[in-house]
Amino acid sequence: EGVIEFTHPTSVIANVKALLPLGLPLVVGTTGWNDKHEEIA
């Protein structure tokens, strides 16, 4: 019913893009991707 992602800066963007279409509340604790926030939004 919800997802928590704590992986690695090299994999977080791909994971988030794959998980978002599932429509589940997604919490991402991985850091190091501030420059991608607008893209993910």
ModelCIF file with pLDDT and N, C-alpha, C, O atoms, coordinates in Angstrom:
data_MODEL
#
_entry.id   MODEL 
#
_entity.id                         1 
_entity.type                       polymer 
_entity.pdbx_number_of_molecules   1 
#
_entity_poly.entity_id                      1 
_entity_poly.type                           'polypeptide(L)' 
_entity_poly.nstd_linkage                   no 
_entity_poly.nstd_monomer                   no 
_entity_poly.pdbx_seq_one_letter_code       EGVIEFTHPTSVIANVKALLPLGLPLVVGTTGWNDKHEEIA 
_entity_poly.pdbx_seq_one_letter_code_can   EGVIEFTHPTSVIANVKALLPLGLPLVVGTTGWNDKHEEIA 
_entity_poly.pdbx_strand_id                 A 
#
loop_
_entity_poly_seq.entity_id 
_entity_poly_seq.num 
_entity_poly_seq.mon_id 
_entity_poly_seq.hetero 
1 1  GLU n 
1 2  GLY n 
1 3  VAL n 
1 4  ILE n 
1 5  GLU n 
1 6  PHE n 
1 7  THR n 
1 8  HIS n 
1 9  PRO n 
1 10 THR n 
1 11 SER n 
1 12 VAL n 
1 13 ILE n 
1 14 ALA n 
1 15 ASN n 
1 16 VAL n 
1 17 LYS n 
1 18 ALA n 
1 19 LEU n 
1 20 LEU n 
1 21 PRO n 
1 22 LEU n 
1 23 GLY n 
1 24 LEU n 
1 25 PRO n 
1 26 LEU n 
1 27 VAL n 
1 28 VAL n 
1 29 GLY n 
1 30 THR n 
1 31 THR n 
1 32 GLY n 
1 33 TRP n 
1 34 ASN n 
1 35 ASP n 
1 36 LYS n 
1 37 HIS n 
1 38 GLU n 
1 39 GLU n 
1 40 ILE n 
1 41 ALA n 
#
_struct_asym.id          A 
_struct_asym.entity_id   1 
#
loop_
_ma_qa_metric.id 
_ma_qa_metric.mode 
_ma_qa_metric.name 
_ma_qa_metric.software_group_id 
_ma_qa_metric.type 
1 global pLDDT . pLDDT 
2 local  pLDDT . pLDDT 
#
_ma_qa_metric_global.metric_id      1 
_ma_qa_metric_global.metric_value   95.88 
_ma_qa_metric_global.model_id       1 
_ma_qa_metric_global.ordinal_id     1 
#
loop_
_ma_qa_metric_local.label_asym_id 
_ma_qa_metric_local.label_comp_id 
_ma_qa_metric_local.label_seq_id 
_ma_qa_metric_local.metric_id 
_ma_qa_metric_local.metric_value 
_ma_qa_metric_local.model_id 
_ma_qa_metric_local.ordinal_id 
A GLU 1  2 98.00 1 1  
A GLY 2  2 98.00 1 2  
A VAL 3  2 98.00 1 3  
A ILE 4  2 98.00 1 4  
A GLU 5  2 98.00 1 5  
A PHE 6  2 96.00 1 6  
A THR 7  2 96.00 1 7  
A HIS 8  2 92.00 1 8  
A PRO 9  2 92.00 1 9  
A THR 10 2 93.00 1 10 
A SER 11 2 96.00 1 11 
A VAL 12 2 97.00 1 12 
A ILE 13 2 98.00 1 13 
A ALA 14 2 98.00 1 14 
A ASN 15 2 98.00 1 15 
A VAL 16 2 98.00 1 16 
A LYS 17 2 98.00 1 17 
A ALA 18 2 98.00 1 18 
A LEU 19 2 98.00 1 19 
A LEU 20 2 98.00 1 20 
A PRO 21 2 98.00 1 21 
A LEU 22 2 98.00 1 22 
A GLY 23 2 97.00 1 23 
A LEU 24 2 98.00 1 24 
A PRO 25 2 98.00 1 25 
A LEU 26 2 98.00 1 26 
A VAL 27 2 98.00 1 27 
A VAL 28 2 98.00 1 28 
A GLY 29 2 93.00 1 29 
A THR 30 2 93.00 1 30 
A THR 31 2 86.00 1 31 
A GLY 32 2 85.00 1 32 
A TRP 33 2 92.00 1 33 
A ASN 34 2 89.00 1 34 
A ASP 35 2 92.00 1 35 
A LYS 36 2 96.00 1 36 
A HIS 37 2 96.00 1 37 
A GLU 38 2 97.00 1 38 
A GLU 39 2 97.00 1 39 
A ILE 40 2 98.00 1 40 
A ALA 41 2 98.00 1 41 
#
loop_
_atom_site.group_PDB 
_atom_site.id 
_atom_site.type_symbol 
_atom_site.label_atom_id 
_atom_site.label_alt_id 
_atom_site.label_comp_id 
_atom_site.label_asym_id 
_atom_site.label_entity_id 
_atom_site.label_seq_id 
_atom_site.pdbx_PDB_ins_code 
_atom_site.Cartn_x 
_atom_site.Cartn_y 
_atom_site.Cartn_z 
_atom_site.occupancy 
_atom_site.B_iso_or_equiv 
_atom_site.pdbx_formal_charge 
_atom_site.auth_seq_id 
_atom_site.auth_comp_id 
_atom_site.auth_asym_id 
_atom_site.auth_atom_id 
_atom_site.pdbx_PDB_model_num 
ATOM 1   N N  . GLU A 1 1  ? 0.823  -1.210 0.000   1.00 98.00 ? 1  GLU A N  1 
ATOM 2   C CA . GLU A 1 1  ? 0.000  0.000  0.000   1.00 98.00 ? 1  GLU A CA 1 
ATOM 3   C C  . GLU A 1 1  ? 0.855  1.257  0.000   1.00 98.00 ? 1  GLU A C  1 
ATOM 4   O O  . GLU A 1 1  ? 0.344  2.361  -0.192  1.00 98.00 ? 1  GLU A O  1 
ATOM 5   N N  . GLY A 1 2  ? 2.151  1.094  0.214   1.00 98.00 ? 2  GLY A N  1 
ATOM 6   C CA . GLY A 1 2  ? 3.098  2.202  0.205   1.00 98.00 ? 2  GLY A CA 1 
ATOM 7   C C  . GLY A 1 2  ? 4.502  1.673  0.038   1.00 98.00 ? 2  GLY A C  1 
ATOM 8   O O  . GLY A 1 2  ? 4.770  0.503  0.310   1.00 98.00 ? 2  GLY A O  1 
ATOM 9   N N  . VAL A 1 3  ? 5.407  2.539  -0.414  1.00 98.00 ? 3  VAL A N  1 
ATOM 10  C CA . VAL A 1 3  ? 6.779  2.122  -0.722  1.00 98.00 ? 3  VAL A CA 1 
ATOM 11  C C  . VAL A 1 3  ? 7.768  3.083  -0.078  1.00 98.00 ? 3  VAL A C  1 
ATOM 12  O O  . VAL A 1 3  ? 7.573  4.298  -0.098  1.00 98.00 ? 3  VAL A O  1 
ATOM 13  N N  . ILE A 1 4  ? 8.828  2.527  0.492   1.00 98.00 ? 4  ILE A N  1 
ATOM 14  C CA . ILE A 1 4  ? 9.949  3.333  0.987   1.00 98.00 ? 4  ILE A CA 1 
ATOM 15  C C  . ILE A 1 4  ? 11.196 2.915  0.208   1.00 98.00 ? 4  ILE A C  1 
ATOM 16  O O  . ILE A 1 4  ? 11.560 1.739  0.189   1.00 98.00 ? 4  ILE A O  1 
ATOM 17  N N  . GLU A 1 5  ? 11.843 3.884  -0.432  1.00 98.00 ? 5  GLU A N  1 
ATOM 18  C CA . GLU A 1 5  ? 13.032 3.629  -1.242  1.00 98.00 ? 5  GLU A CA 1 
ATOM 19  C C  . GLU A 1 5  ? 14.256 4.211  -0.560  1.00 98.00 ? 5  GLU A C  1 
ATOM 20  O O  . GLU A 1 5  ? 14.344 5.423  -0.363  1.00 98.00 ? 5  GLU A O  1 
ATOM 21  N N  . PHE A 1 6  ? 15.206 3.350  -0.198  1.00 96.00 ? 6  PHE A N  1 
ATOM 22  C CA . PHE A 1 6  ? 16.494 3.766  0.375   1.00 96.00 ? 6  PHE A CA 1 
ATOM 23  C C  . PHE A 1 6  ? 17.563 2.959  -0.339  1.00 96.00 ? 6  PHE A C  1 
ATOM 24  O O  . PHE A 1 6  ? 17.925 1.871  0.111   1.00 96.00 ? 6  PHE A O  1 
ATOM 25  N N  . THR A 1 7  ? 18.074 3.482  -1.453  1.00 96.00 ? 7  THR A N  1 
ATOM 26  C CA . THR A 1 7  ? 19.048 2.712  -2.217  1.00 96.00 ? 7  THR A CA 1 
ATOM 27  C C  . THR A 1 7  ? 20.351 3.483  -2.400  1.00 96.00 ? 7  THR A C  1 
ATOM 28  O O  . THR A 1 7  ? 21.129 3.619  -1.456  1.00 96.00 ? 7  THR A O  1 
ATOM 29  N N  . HIS A 1 8  ? 20.588 3.981  -3.594  1.00 92.00 ? 8  HIS A N  1 
ATOM 30  C CA . HIS A 1 8  ? 21.876 4.598  -3.943  1.00 92.00 ? 8  HIS A CA 1 
ATOM 31  C C  . HIS A 1 8  ? 21.614 5.702  -4.967  1.00 92.00 ? 8  HIS A C  1 
ATOM 32  O O  . HIS A 1 8  ? 20.716 5.562  -5.797  1.00 92.00 ? 8  HIS A O  1 
ATOM 33  N N  . PRO A 1 9  ? 22.374 6.792  -4.928  1.00 92.00 ? 9  PRO A N  1 
ATOM 34  C CA . PRO A 1 9  ? 22.155 7.877  -5.892  1.00 92.00 ? 9  PRO A CA 1 
ATOM 35  C C  . PRO A 1 9  ? 22.205 7.439  -7.358  1.00 92.00 ? 9  PRO A C  1 
ATOM 36  O O  . PRO A 1 9  ? 21.578 8.072  -8.207  1.00 92.00 ? 9  PRO A O  1 
ATOM 37  N N  . THR A 1 10 ? 22.934 6.375  -7.665  1.00 93.00 ? 10 THR A N  1 
ATOM 38  C CA . THR A 1 10 ? 23.047 5.931  -9.054  1.00 93.00 ? 10 THR A CA 1 
ATOM 39  C C  . THR A 1 10 ? 21.798 5.187  -9.540  1.00 93.00 ? 10 THR A C  1 
ATOM 40  O O  . THR A 1 10 ? 21.603 5.037  -10.746 1.00 93.00 ? 10 THR A O  1 
ATOM 41  N N  . SER A 1 11 ? 20.961 4.727  -8.626  1.00 96.00 ? 11 SER A N  1 
ATOM 42  C CA . SER A 1 11 ? 19.783 3.948  -9.018  1.00 96.00 ? 11 SER A CA 1 
ATOM 43  C C  . SER A 1 11 ? 18.462 4.608  -8.658  1.00 96.00 ? 11 SER A C  1 
ATOM 44  O O  . SER A 1 11 ? 17.407 4.151  -9.097  1.00 96.00 ? 11 SER A O  1 
ATOM 45  N N  . VAL A 1 12 ? 18.500 5.677  -7.865  1.00 97.00 ? 12 VAL A N  1 
ATOM 46  C CA . VAL A 1 12 ? 17.260 6.237  -7.335  1.00 97.00 ? 12 VAL A CA 1 
ATOM 47  C C  . VAL A 1 12 ? 16.343 6.781  -8.428  1.00 97.00 ? 12 VAL A C  1 
ATOM 48  O O  . VAL A 1 12 ? 15.133 6.562  -8.364  1.00 97.00 ? 12 VAL A O  1 
ATOM 49  N N  . ILE A 1 13 ? 16.873 7.477  -9.419  1.00 98.00 ? 13 ILE A N  1 
ATOM 50  C CA . ILE A 1 13 ? 16.020 8.089  -10.445 1.00 98.00 ? 13 ILE A CA 1 
ATOM 51  C C  . ILE A 1 13 ? 15.283 7.017  -11.242 1.00 98.00 ? 13 ILE A C  1 
ATOM 52  O O  . ILE A 1 13 ? 14.080 7.140  -11.475 1.00 98.00 ? 13 ILE A O  1 
ATOM 53  N N  . ALA A 1 14 ? 15.986 5.974  -11.660 1.00 98.00 ? 14 ALA A N  1 
ATOM 54  C CA . ALA A 1 14 ? 15.343 4.888  -12.396 1.00 98.00 ? 14 ALA A CA 1 
ATOM 55  C C  . ALA A 1 14 ? 14.283 4.206  -11.549 1.00 98.00 ? 14 ALA A C  1 
ATOM 56  O O  . ALA A 1 14 ? 13.206 3.873  -12.042 1.00 98.00 ? 14 ALA A O  1 
ATOM 57  N N  . ASN A 1 15 ? 14.590 3.997  -10.271 1.00 98.00 ? 15 ASN A N  1 
ATOM 58  C CA . ASN A 1 15 ? 13.616 3.364  -9.377  1.00 98.00 ? 15 ASN A CA 1 
ATOM 59  C C  . ASN A 1 15 ? 12.357 4.217  -9.237  1.00 98.00 ? 15 ASN A C  1 
ATOM 60  O O  . ASN A 1 15 ? 11.238 3.714  -9.333  1.00 98.00 ? 15 ASN A O  1 
ATOM 61  N N  . VAL A 1 16 ? 12.557 5.506  -9.010  1.00 98.00 ? 16 VAL A N  1 
ATOM 62  C CA . VAL A 1 16 ? 11.412 6.407  -8.821  1.00 98.00 ? 16 VAL A CA 1 
ATOM 63  C C  . VAL A 1 16 ? 10.549 6.446  -10.087 1.00 98.00 ? 16 VAL A C  1 
ATOM 64  O O  . VAL A 1 16 ? 9.321  6.402  -10.004 1.00 98.00 ? 16 VAL A O  1 
ATOM 65  N N  . LYS A 1 17 ? 11.185 6.528  -11.244 1.00 98.00 ? 17 LYS A N  1 
ATOM 66  C CA . LYS A 1 17 ? 10.415 6.586  -12.492 1.00 98.00 ? 17 LYS A CA 1 
ATOM 67  C C  . LYS A 1 17 ? 9.667  5.285  -12.756 1.00 98.00 ? 17 LYS A C  1 
ATOM 68  O O  . LYS A 1 17 ? 8.595  5.297  -13.362 1.00 98.00 ? 17 LYS A O  1 
ATOM 69  N N  . ALA A 1 18 ? 10.220 4.169  -12.308 1.00 98.00 ? 18 ALA A N  1 
ATOM 70  C CA . ALA A 1 18 ? 9.533  2.891  -12.484 1.00 98.00 ? 18 ALA A CA 1 
ATOM 71  C C  . ALA A 1 18 ? 8.391  2.716  -11.486 1.00 98.00 ? 18 ALA A C  1 
ATOM 72  O O  . ALA A 1 18 ? 7.388  2.071  -11.793 1.00 98.00 ? 18 ALA A O  1 
ATOM 73  N N  . LEU A 1 19 ? 8.544  3.292  -10.286 1.00 98.00 ? 19 LEU A N  1 
ATOM 74  C CA . LEU A 1 19 ? 7.564  3.100  -9.222  1.00 98.00 ? 19 LEU A CA 1 
ATOM 75  C C  . LEU A 1 19 ? 6.393  4.072  -9.292  1.00 98.00 ? 19 LEU A C  1 
ATOM 76  O O  . LEU A 1 19 ? 5.275  3.710  -8.926  1.00 98.00 ? 19 LEU A O  1 
ATOM 77  N N  . LEU A 1 20 ? 6.623  5.295  -9.753  1.00 98.00 ? 20 LEU A N  1 
ATOM 78  C CA . LEU A 1 20 ? 5.564  6.302  -9.744  1.00 98.00 ? 20 LEU A CA 1 
ATOM 79  C C  . LEU A 1 20 ? 4.294  5.884  -10.506 1.00 98.00 ? 20 LEU A C  1 
ATOM 80  O O  . LEU A 1 20 ? 3.197  6.170  -10.028 1.00 98.00 ? 20 LEU A O  1 
ATOM 81  N N  . PRO A 1 21 ? 4.395  5.224  -11.663 1.00 98.00 ? 21 PRO A N  1 
ATOM 82  C CA . PRO A 1 21 ? 3.170  4.836  -12.362 1.00 98.00 ? 21 PRO A CA 1 
ATOM 83  C C  . PRO A 1 21 ? 2.296  3.843  -11.590 1.00 98.00 ? 21 PRO A C  1 
ATOM 84  O O  . PRO A 1 21 ? 1.130  3.662  -11.940 1.00 98.00 ? 21 PRO A O  1 
ATOM 85  N N  . LEU A 1 22 ? 2.831  3.197  -10.549 1.00 98.00 ? 22 LEU A N  1 
ATOM 86  C CA . LEU A 1 22 ? 2.029  2.273  -9.755  1.00 98.00 ? 22 LEU A CA 1 
ATOM 87  C C  . LEU A 1 22 ? 0.955  3.002  -8.953  1.00 98.00 ? 22 LEU A C  1 
ATOM 88  O O  . LEU A 1 22 ? -0.030 2.395  -8.534  1.00 98.00 ? 22 LEU A O  1 
ATOM 89  N N  . GLY A 1 23 ? 1.146  4.312  -8.738  1.00 97.00 ? 23 GLY A N  1 
ATOM 90  C CA . GLY A 1 23 ? 0.151  5.103  -8.016  1.00 97.00 ? 23 GLY A CA 1 
ATOM 91  C C  . GLY A 1 23 ? 0.191  4.952  -6.513  1.00 97.00 ? 23 GLY A C  1 
ATOM 92  O O  . GLY A 1 23 ? -0.705 5.448  -5.829  1.00 97.00 ? 23 GLY A O  1 
ATOM 93  N N  . LEU A 1 24 ? 1.195  4.286  -5.974  1.00 98.00 ? 24 LEU A N  1 
ATOM 94  C CA . LEU A 1 24 ? 1.314  4.103  -4.526  1.00 98.00 ? 24 LEU A CA 1 
ATOM 95  C C  . LEU A 1 24 ? 2.057  5.273  -3.903  1.00 98.00 ? 24 LEU A C  1 
ATOM 96  O O  . LEU A 1 24 ? 2.930  5.853  -4.547  1.00 98.00 ? 24 LEU A O  1 
ATOM 97  N N  . PRO A 1 25 ? 1.731  5.640  -2.650  1.00 98.00 ? 25 PRO A N  1 
ATOM 98  C CA . PRO A 1 25 ? 2.527  6.666  -1.964  1.00 98.00 ? 25 PRO A CA 1 
ATOM 99  C C  . PRO A 1 25 ? 3.973  6.180  -1.844  1.00 98.00 ? 25 PRO A C  1 
ATOM 100 O O  . PRO A 1 25 ? 4.237  5.095  -1.325  1.00 98.00 ? 25 PRO A O  1 
ATOM 101 N N  . LEU A 1 26 ? 4.895  6.997  -2.330  1.00 98.00 ? 26 LEU A N  1 
ATOM 102 C CA . LEU A 1 26 ? 6.304  6.627  -2.405  1.00 98.00 ? 26 LEU A CA 1 
ATOM 103 C C  . LEU A 1 26 ? 7.134  7.616  -1.594  1.00 98.00 ? 26 LEU A C  1 
ATOM 104 O O  . LEU A 1 26 ? 7.083  8.823  -1.832  1.00 98.00 ? 26 LEU A O  1 
ATOM 105 N N  . VAL A 1 27 ? 7.890  7.104  -0.648  1.00 98.00 ? 27 VAL A N  1 
ATOM 106 C CA . VAL A 1 27 ? 8.795  7.915  0.159   1.00 98.00 ? 27 VAL A CA 1 
ATOM 107 C C  . VAL A 1 27 ? 10.223 7.547  -0.216  1.00 98.00 ? 27 VAL A C  1 
ATOM 108 O O  . VAL A 1 27 ? 10.599 6.375  -0.171  1.00 98.00 ? 27 VAL A O  1 
ATOM 109 N N  . VAL A 1 28 ? 11.024 8.553  -0.588  1.00 98.00 ? 28 VAL A N  1 
ATOM 110 C CA . VAL A 1 28 ? 12.395 8.312  -1.043  1.00 98.00 ? 28 VAL A CA 1 
ATOM 111 C C  . VAL A 1 28 ? 13.374 8.912  -0.034  1.00 98.00 ? 28 VAL A C  1 
ATOM 112 O O  . VAL A 1 28 ? 13.406 10.124 0.180   1.00 98.00 ? 28 VAL A O  1 
ATOM 113 N N  . GLY A 1 29 ? 14.163 8.044  0.573   1.00 93.00 ? 29 GLY A N  1 
ATOM 114 C CA . GLY A 1 29 ? 15.166 8.496  1.534   1.00 93.00 ? 29 GLY A CA 1 
ATOM 115 C C  . GLY A 1 29 ? 16.545 8.638  0.933   1.00 93.00 ? 29 GLY A C  1 
ATOM 116 O O  . GLY A 1 29 ? 17.431 9.228  1.552   1.00 93.00 ? 29 GLY A O  1 
ATOM 117 N N  . THR A 1 30 ? 16.748 8.106  -0.271  1.00 93.00 ? 30 THR A N  1 
ATOM 118 C CA . THR A 1 30 ? 18.037 8.246  -0.948  1.00 93.00 ? 30 THR A CA 1 
ATOM 119 C C  . THR A 1 30 ? 18.296 9.720  -1.236  1.00 93.00 ? 30 THR A C  1 
ATOM 120 O O  . THR A 1 30 ? 17.404 10.432 -1.699  1.00 93.00 ? 30 THR A O  1 
ATOM 121 N N  . THR A 1 31 ? 19.505 10.176 -0.967  1.00 86.00 ? 31 THR A N  1 
ATOM 122 C CA . THR A 1 31 ? 19.867 11.564 -1.240  1.00 86.00 ? 31 THR A CA 1 
ATOM 123 C C  . THR A 1 31 ? 20.820 11.618 -2.440  1.00 86.00 ? 31 THR A C  1 
ATOM 124 O O  . THR A 1 31 ? 21.165 10.587 -3.018  1.00 86.00 ? 31 THR A O  1 
ATOM 125 N N  . GLY A 1 32 ? 21.234 12.824 -2.801  1.00 85.00 ? 32 GLY A N  1 
ATOM 126 C CA . GLY A 1 32 ? 22.176 12.980 -3.903  1.00 85.00 ? 32 GLY A CA 1 
ATOM 127 C C  . GLY A 1 32 ? 21.514 13.186 -5.249  1.00 85.00 ? 32 GLY A C  1 
ATOM 128 O O  . GLY A 1 32 ? 22.157 13.006 -6.283  1.00 85.00 ? 32 GLY A O  1 
ATOM 129 N N  . TRP A 1 33 ? 20.210 13.569 -5.262  1.00 92.00 ? 33 TRP A N  1 
ATOM 130 C CA . TRP A 1 33 ? 19.522 13.797 -6.540  1.00 92.00 ? 33 TRP A CA 1 
ATOM 131 C C  . TRP A 1 33 ? 18.715 15.098 -6.530  1.00 92.00 ? 33 TRP A C  1 
ATOM 132 O O  . TRP A 1 33 ? 17.701 15.207 -7.218  1.00 92.00 ? 33 TRP A O  1 
ATOM 133 N N  . ASN A 1 34 ? 19.161 16.069 -5.758  1.00 89.00 ? 34 ASN A N  1 
ATOM 134 C CA . ASN A 1 34 ? 18.473 17.362 -5.693  1.00 89.00 ? 34 ASN A CA 1 
ATOM 135 C C  . ASN A 1 34 ? 18.317 18.008 -7.066  1.00 89.00 ? 34 ASN A C  1 
ATOM 136 O O  . ASN A 1 34 ? 17.319 18.677 -7.334  1.00 89.00 ? 34 ASN A O  1 
ATOM 137 N N  . ASP A 1 35 ? 19.303 17.806 -7.930  1.00 92.00 ? 35 ASP A N  1 
ATOM 138 C CA . ASP A 1 35 ? 19.262 18.425 -9.256  1.00 92.00 ? 35 ASP A CA 1 
ATOM 139 C C  . ASP A 1 35 ? 18.214 17.787 -10.165 1.00 92.00 ? 35 ASP A C  1 
ATOM 140 O O  . ASP A 1 35 ? 17.973 18.281 -11.266 1.00 92.00 ? 35 ASP A O  1 
ATOM 141 N N  . LYS A 1 36 ? 17.592 16.707 -9.723  1.00 96.00 ? 36 LYS A N  1 
ATOM 142 C CA . LYS A 1 36 ? 16.575 16.010 -10.520 1.00 96.00 ? 36 LYS A CA 1 
ATOM 143 C C  . LYS A 1 36 ? 15.164 16.225 -9.981  1.00 96.00 ? 36 LYS A C  1 
ATOM 144 O O  . LYS A 1 36 ? 14.212 15.654 -10.514 1.00 96.00 ? 36 LYS A O  1 
ATOM 145 N N  . HIS A 1 37 ? 15.012 17.031 -8.942  1.00 96.00 ? 37 HIS A N  1 
ATOM 146 C CA . HIS A 1 37 ? 13.696 17.204 -8.325  1.00 96.00 ? 37 HIS A CA 1 
ATOM 147 C C  . HIS A 1 37 ? 12.666 17.750 -9.308  1.00 96.00 ? 37 HIS A C  1 
ATOM 148 O O  . HIS A 1 37 ? 11.532 17.274 -9.341  1.00 96.00 ? 37 HIS A O  1 
ATOM 149 N N  . GLU A 1 38 ? 13.046 18.735 -10.103 1.00 97.00 ? 38 GLU A N  1 
ATOM 150 C CA . GLU A 1 38 ? 12.100 19.308 -11.068 1.00 97.00 ? 38 GLU A CA 1 
ATOM 151 C C  . GLU A 1 38 ? 11.688 18.272 -12.113 1.00 97.00 ? 38 GLU A C  1 
ATOM 152 O O  . GLU A 1 38 ? 10.521 18.197 -12.497 1.00 97.00 ? 38 GLU A O  1 
ATOM 153 N N  . GLU A 1 39 ? 12.637 17.488 -12.560 1.00 97.00 ? 39 GLU A N  1 
ATOM 154 C CA . GLU A 1 39 ? 12.351 16.442 -13.543 1.00 97.00 ? 39 GLU A CA 1 
ATOM 155 C C  . GLU A 1 39 ? 11.378 15.412 -12.970 1.00 97.00 ? 39 GLU A C  1 
ATOM 156 O O  . GLU A 1 39 ? 10.435 15.005 -13.647 1.00 97.00 ? 39 GLU A O  1 
ATOM 157 N N  . ILE A 1 40 ? 11.603 14.994 -11.730 1.00 98.00 ? 40 ILE A N  1 
ATOM 158 C CA . ILE A 1 40 ? 10.734 13.999 -11.097 1.00 98.00 ? 40 ILE A CA 1 
ATOM 159 C C  . ILE A 1 40 ? 9.359  14.587 -10.802 1.00 98.00 ? 40 ILE A C  1 
ATOM 160 O O  . ILE A 1 40 ? 8.349  13.896 -10.933 1.00 98.00 ? 40 ILE A O  1 
ATOM 161 N N  . ALA A 1 41 ? 9.313  15.856 -10.404 1.00 98.00 ? 41 ALA A N  1 
ATOM 162 C CA . ALA A 1 41 ? 8.022  16.509 -10.153 1.00 98.00 ? 41 ALA A CA 1 
ATOM 163 C C  . ALA A 1 41 ? 7.186  16.522 -11.435 1.00 98.00 ? 41 ALA A C  1 
ATOM 164 O O  . ALA A 1 41 ? 6.064  17.029 -11.435 1.00 98.00 ? 41 ALA A O  1 
#
